[in-house]
Amino acid sequence: MVVKWLREHVSAAAMLTLFRLYLGYAWLTAGWHKVTGEFDATGFLKGALAKASGEHPAVQSWWAAFIENFALPNVGLFNFLVPWGEVLVGIALLLGIFTTFSALMGAVMNFAFMFSGTTSTNPQMILLTFFILVAGANAGKFGLDYWVIPYIRKFLKKEPRQNIAPTS
């Protein structure tokens, strides 16, 4: 019943637009501060590693292994991906374009931050994102998805042309 409402009703689309705008603003501003400032993920990653030890570690060993063996050695990649990922997710959510995919990528970042032992606003952002993901296309109804999604669906439904050589 709730899922049907989220996916089909205009009132749900209006509520989801508010969620989408809040999340888009949060992602855009967080990313923009990183893009225009001197962002370096090294300290954050080392801090996450420090939270992986002790009697009740906040960071699980498998995530600490990922940080130690992949993220830290490739910190330059993360210094690019994190700020620009945040900015792009923010812009897409504000415009309501590729809303479901953008929300999913935002949730992936939220979970990565939480796996690293940082709570902050991540749980509330994940909760709001969950509603957007469940709603699917209705979450972008009052955005560019209103025009883009039908075009993509029409494009994908076209049958490919078959080149059949004439037989003699």
C-alpha atoms as a PDB file:
ATOM      1  CA  MET A   1       0.000   0.000   0.000  1.00  0.00           C
ATOM      2  CA  VAL A   2       2.748   2.484   0.932  1.00  0.00           C
ATOM      3  CA  VAL A   3       4.945   1.347  -1.957  1.00  0.00           C
ATOM      4  CA  LYS A   4       2.047   1.813  -4.401  1.00  0.00           C
ATOM      5  CA  TRP A   5       1.485   5.316  -3.042  1.00  0.00           C
ATOM      6  CA  LEU A   6       5.200   6.183  -3.307  1.00  0.00           C
ATOM      7  CA  ARG A   7       5.379   4.939  -6.890  1.00  0.00           C
ATOM      8  CA  GLU A   8       2.105   6.283  -8.286  1.00  0.00           C
ATOM      9  CA  HIS A   9       0.628   9.295  -6.501  1.00  0.00           C
ATOM     10  CA  VAL A  10       1.305  12.940  -7.223  1.00  0.00           C
ATOM     11  CA  SER A  11       1.249  13.764  -3.505  1.00  0.00           C
ATOM     12  CA  ALA A  12       4.093  11.289  -2.983  1.00  0.00           C
ATOM     13  CA  ALA A  13       5.987  12.848  -5.892  1.00  0.00           C
ATOM     14  CA  ALA A  14       5.656  16.252  -4.206  1.00  0.00           C
ATOM     15  CA  MET A  15       6.969  14.907  -0.893  1.00  0.00           C
ATOM     16  CA  LEU A  16       9.806  13.101  -2.665  1.00  0.00           C
ATOM     17  CA  THR A  17      10.701  16.327  -4.450  1.00  0.00           C
ATOM     18  CA  LEU A  18      11.287  17.930  -1.044  1.00  0.00           C
ATOM     19  CA  PHE A  19      13.461  14.973  -0.002  1.00  0.00           C
ATOM     20  CA  ARG A  20      15.312  15.157  -3.323  1.00  0.00           C
ATOM     21  CA  LEU A  21      15.945  18.901  -3.024  1.00  0.00           C
ATOM     22  CA  TYR A  22      17.199  18.577   0.563  1.00  0.00           C
ATOM     23  CA  LEU A  23      19.535  15.720  -0.342  1.00  0.00           C
ATOM     24  CA  GLY A  24      20.704  17.456  -3.517  1.00  0.00           C
ATOM     25  CA  TYR A  25      21.547  20.616  -1.600  1.00  0.00           C
ATOM     26  CA  ALA A  26      23.358  18.622   1.098  1.00  0.00           C
ATOM     27  CA  TRP A  27      25.444  16.707  -1.460  1.00  0.00           C
ATOM     28  CA  LEU A  28      26.173  19.753  -3.616  1.00  0.00           C
ATOM     29  CA  THR A  29      27.321  21.952  -0.747  1.00  0.00           C
ATOM     30  CA  ALA A  30      29.434  19.183   0.824  1.00  0.00           C
ATOM     31  CA  GLY A  31      31.089  18.445  -2.508  1.00  0.00           C
ATOM     32  CA  TRP A  32      31.533  22.079  -3.469  1.00  0.00           C
ATOM     33  CA  HIS A  33      33.396  22.822  -0.237  1.00  0.00           C
ATOM     34  CA  LYS A  34      35.737  19.953  -1.067  1.00  0.00           C
ATOM     35  CA  VAL A  35      36.199  20.940  -4.728  1.00  0.00           C
ATOM     36  CA  THR A  36      36.948  24.589  -3.935  1.00  0.00           C
ATOM     37  CA  GLY A  37      38.950  23.877  -0.771  1.00  0.00           C
ATOM     38  CA  GLU A  38      42.013  21.829  -0.152  1.00  0.00           C
ATOM     39  CA  PHE A  39      40.431  18.398   0.242  1.00  0.00           C
ATOM     40  CA  ASP A  40      42.639  15.452   1.090  1.00  0.00           C
ATOM     41  CA  ALA A  41      41.059  12.161   2.162  1.00  0.00           C
ATOM     42  CA  THR A  42      44.278  10.883   3.748  1.00  0.00           C
ATOM     43  CA  GLY A  43      43.426  12.112   7.248  1.00  0.00           C
ATOM     44  CA  PHE A  44      39.899  10.756   7.073  1.00  0.00           C
ATOM     45  CA  LEU A  45      41.111   7.352   5.887  1.00  0.00           C
ATOM     46  CA  LYS A  46      43.820   7.154   8.547  1.00  0.00           C
ATOM     47  CA  GLY A  47      41.247   8.155  11.163  1.00  0.00           C
ATOM     48  CA  ALA A  48      38.989   5.341   9.979  1.00  0.00           C
ATOM     49  CA  LEU A  49      41.873   2.892  10.303  1.00  0.00           C
ATOM     50  CA  ALA A  50      42.443   4.054  13.873  1.00  0.00           C
ATOM     51  CA  LYS A  51      38.797   3.235  14.652  1.00  0.00           C
ATOM     52  CA  ALA A  52      39.342  -0.384  13.522  1.00  0.00           C
ATOM     53  CA  SER A  53      41.126  -1.449  16.683  1.00  0.00           C
ATOM     54  CA  GLY A  54      40.247  -1.834  20.325  1.00  0.00           C
ATOM     55  CA  GLU A  55      37.622  -3.814  22.194  1.00  0.00           C
ATOM     56  CA  HIS A  56      34.644  -2.376  20.287  1.00  0.00           C
ATOM     57  CA  PRO A  57      35.929  -1.120  16.919  1.00  0.00           C
ATOM     58  CA  ALA A  58      33.726   1.304  14.989  1.00  0.00           C
ATOM     59  CA  VAL A  59      35.261   0.119  11.703  1.00  0.00           C
ATOM     60  CA  GLN A  60      35.118  -3.546  10.784  1.00  0.00           C
ATOM     61  CA  SER A  61      38.270  -5.382   9.775  1.00  0.00           C
ATOM     62  CA  TRP A  62      37.154  -6.047   6.185  1.00  0.00           C
ATOM     63  CA  TRP A  63      36.561  -2.327   5.618  1.00  0.00           C
ATOM     64  CA  ALA A  64      39.849  -1.452   7.304  1.00  0.00           C
ATOM     65  CA  ALA A  65      41.586  -3.881   4.925  1.00  0.00           C
ATOM     66  CA  PHE A  66      39.935  -2.116   1.967  1.00  0.00           C
ATOM     67  CA  ILE A  67      41.092   1.267   3.273  1.00  0.00           C
ATOM     68  CA  GLU A  68      44.625   0.092   4.017  1.00  0.00           C
ATOM     69  CA  ASN A  69      45.185  -1.923   0.835  1.00  0.00           C
ATOM     70  CA  PHE A  70      43.224   0.063  -1.736  1.00  0.00           C
ATOM     71  CA  ALA A  71      41.951   3.453  -0.611  1.00  0.00           C
ATOM     72  CA  LEU A  72      45.116   4.822   1.009  1.00  0.00           C
ATOM     73  CA  PRO A  73      47.461   3.669  -1.780  1.00  0.00           C
ATOM     74  CA  ASN A  74      45.062   5.296  -4.269  1.00  0.00           C
ATOM     75  CA  VAL A  75      44.164   8.349  -2.205  1.00  0.00           C
ATOM     76  CA  GLY A  76      44.613  10.614  -5.239  1.00  0.00           C
ATOM     77  CA  LEU A  77      41.758   8.793  -6.958  1.00  0.00           C
ATOM     78  CA  PHE A  78      39.549   9.234  -3.883  1.00  0.00           C
ATOM     79  CA  ASN A  79      40.543  12.905  -3.644  1.00  0.00           C
ATOM     80  CA  PHE A  80      38.962  13.272  -7.083  1.00  0.00           C
ATOM     81  CA  LEU A  81      36.017  10.843  -6.820  1.00  0.00           C
ATOM     82  CA  VAL A  82      34.617  11.960  -3.466  1.00  0.00           C
ATOM     83  CA  PRO A  83      34.240  15.712  -4.115  1.00  0.00           C
ATOM     84  CA  TRP A  84      33.107  15.367  -7.717  1.00  0.00           C
ATOM     85  CA  GLY A  85      30.831  12.440  -6.863  1.00  0.00           C
ATOM     86  CA  GLU A  86      29.168  14.571  -4.202  1.00  0.00           C
ATOM     87  CA  VAL A  87      28.800  17.533  -6.572  1.00  0.00           C
ATOM     88  CA  LEU A  88      27.364  15.430  -9.404  1.00  0.00           C
ATOM     89  CA  VAL A  89      24.932  13.574  -7.135  1.00  0.00           C
ATOM     90  CA  GLY A  90      23.848  16.939  -5.724  1.00  0.00           C
ATOM     91  CA  ILE A  91      23.274  18.512  -9.131  1.00  0.00           C
ATOM     92  CA  ALA A  92      21.404  15.469 -10.437  1.00  0.00           C
ATOM     93  CA  LEU A  93      19.117  15.342  -7.400  1.00  0.00           C
ATOM     94  CA  LEU A  94      18.433  19.083  -7.529  1.00  0.00           C
ATOM     95  CA  LEU A  95      17.545  18.866 -11.216  1.00  0.00           C
ATOM     96  CA  GLY A  96      15.688  15.583 -10.828  1.00  0.00           C
ATOM     97  CA  ILE A  97      17.642  13.866 -13.596  1.00  0.00           C
ATOM     98  CA  PHE A  98      18.588  10.197 -13.319  1.00  0.00           C
ATOM     99  CA  THR A  99      17.101  10.529  -9.845  1.00  0.00           C
ATOM    100  CA  THR A 100      17.088   6.870  -8.869  1.00  0.00           C
ATOM    101  CA  PHE A 101      20.669   6.259 -10.011  1.00  0.00           C
ATOM    102  CA  SER A 102      21.887   9.471  -8.381  1.00  0.00           C
ATOM    103  CA  ALA A 103      20.171   8.604  -5.116  1.00  0.00           C
ATOM    104  CA  LEU A 104      21.733   5.138  -5.216  1.00  0.00           C
ATOM    105  CA  MET A 105      25.209   6.607  -5.717  1.00  0.00           C
ATOM    106  CA  GLY A 106      24.573   8.989  -2.823  1.00  0.00           C
ATOM    107  CA  ALA A 107      23.557   6.055  -0.618  1.00  0.00           C
ATOM    108  CA  VAL A 108      26.742   4.213  -1.593  1.00  0.00           C
ATOM    109  CA  MET A 109      28.768   7.226  -0.430  1.00  0.00           C
ATOM    110  CA  ASN A 110      26.705   7.499   2.783  1.00  0.00           C
ATOM    111  CA  PHE A 111      27.365   3.853   3.559  1.00  0.00           C
ATOM    112  CA  ALA A 112      31.087   4.255   2.806  1.00  0.00           C
ATOM    113  CA  PHE A 113      31.275   7.123   5.296  1.00  0.00           C
ATOM    114  CA  MET A 114      29.372   5.091   7.880  1.00  0.00           C
ATOM    115  CA  PHE A 115      31.574   2.030   7.306  1.00  0.00           C
ATOM    116  CA  SER A 116      34.472   4.365   8.051  1.00  0.00           C
ATOM    117  CA  GLY A 117      33.044   5.132  11.478  1.00  0.00           C
ATOM    118  CA  THR A 118      31.403   8.491  10.732  1.00  0.00           C
ATOM    119  CA  THR A 119      27.745   8.942  11.607  1.00  0.00           C
ATOM    120  CA  SER A 120      26.889  12.662  11.202  1.00  0.00           C
ATOM    121  CA  THR A 121      23.855  13.129   8.903  1.00  0.00           C
ATOM    122  CA  ASN A 122      24.485   9.908   6.971  1.00  0.00           C
ATOM    123  CA  PRO A 123      21.682   7.843   8.606  1.00  0.00           C
ATOM    124  CA  GLN A 124      19.014  10.463   7.918  1.00  0.00           C
ATOM    125  CA  MET A 125      20.266  10.880   4.364  1.00  0.00           C
ATOM    126  CA  ILE A 126      20.076   7.114   3.831  1.00  0.00           C
ATOM    127  CA  LEU A 127      16.539   7.043   5.232  1.00  0.00           C
ATOM    128  CA  LEU A 128      15.348   9.774   2.855  1.00  0.00           C
ATOM    129  CA  THR A 129      17.207   8.123  -0.014  1.00  0.00           C
ATOM    130  CA  PHE A 130      15.448   4.845   0.735  1.00  0.00           C
ATOM    131  CA  PHE A 131      12.087   6.489  -0.016  1.00  0.00           C
ATOM    132  CA  ILE A 132      13.425   7.865  -3.301  1.00  0.00           C
ATOM    133  CA  LEU A 133      14.768   4.456  -4.318  1.00  0.00           C
ATOM    134  CA  VAL A 134      11.500   2.689  -3.503  1.00  0.00           C
ATOM    135  CA  ALA A 135       9.503   5.313  -5.408  1.00  0.00           C
ATOM    136  CA  GLY A 136      11.547   4.864  -8.563  1.00  0.00           C
ATOM    137  CA  ALA A 137      10.552   7.163 -11.426  1.00  0.00           C
ATOM    138  CA  ASN A 138       7.913   8.965  -9.350  1.00  0.00           C
ATOM    139  CA  ALA A 139      10.716  10.594  -7.333  1.00  0.00           C
ATOM    140  CA  GLY A 140      11.803  12.530 -10.433  1.00  0.00           C
ATOM    141  CA  LYS A 141       8.302  13.382 -11.653  1.00  0.00           C
ATOM    142  CA  PHE A 142       8.814  17.068 -10.797  1.00  0.00           C
ATOM    143  CA  GLY A 143      12.219  17.245 -12.405  1.00  0.00           C
ATOM    144  CA  LEU A 144      13.989  16.588 -15.683  1.00  0.00           C
ATOM    145  CA  ASP A 145      13.203  12.875 -15.376  1.00  0.00           C
ATOM    146  CA  TYR A 146       9.653  13.772 -16.393  1.00  0.00           C
ATOM    147  CA  TRP A 147      10.988  14.263 -19.943  1.00  0.00           C
ATOM    148  CA  VAL A 148      14.161  12.185 -19.915  1.00  0.00           C
ATOM    149  CA  ILE A 149      12.802   8.857 -18.647  1.00  0.00           C
ATOM    150  CA  PRO A 150      10.028   8.527 -21.295  1.00  0.00           C
ATOM    151  CA  TYR A 151      12.589   9.371 -24.002  1.00  0.00           C
ATOM    152  CA  ILE A 152      14.980   6.688 -22.723  1.00  0.00           C
ATOM    153  CA  ARG A 153      12.167   4.136 -22.493  1.00  0.00           C
ATOM    154  CA  LYS A 154      11.088   4.946 -26.056  1.00  0.00           C
ATOM    155  CA  PHE A 155      14.673   4.690 -27.273  1.00  0.00           C
ATOM    156  CA  LEU A 156      15.202   1.318 -25.570  1.00  0.00           C
ATOM    157  CA  LYS A 157      11.977  -0.118 -27.002  1.00  0.00           C
ATOM    158  CA  LYS A 158      13.062   0.444 -30.596  1.00  0.00           C
ATOM    159  CA  GLU A 159      13.811  -2.808 -32.285  1.00  0.00           C
ATOM    160  CA  PRO A 160      17.247  -2.992 -33.859  1.00  0.00           C
ATOM    161  CA  ARG A 161      17.349  -2.919 -37.622  1.00  0.00           C
ATOM    162  CA  GLN A 162      18.221  -6.196 -39.203  1.00  0.00           C
ATOM    163  CA  ASN A 163      20.501  -6.256 -42.194  1.00  0.00           C
ATOM    164  CA  ILE A 164      19.363  -9.281 -44.108  1.00  0.00           C
ATOM    165  CA  ALA A 165      21.149  -9.942 -47.335  1.00  0.00           C
ATOM    166  CA  PRO A 166      18.863 -10.873 -50.220  1.00  0.00           C
ATOM    167  CA  THR A 167      18.996 -14.523 -51.188  1.00  0.00           C
ATOM    168  CA  SER A 168      19.487 -15.492 -54.804  1.00  0.00           C
END
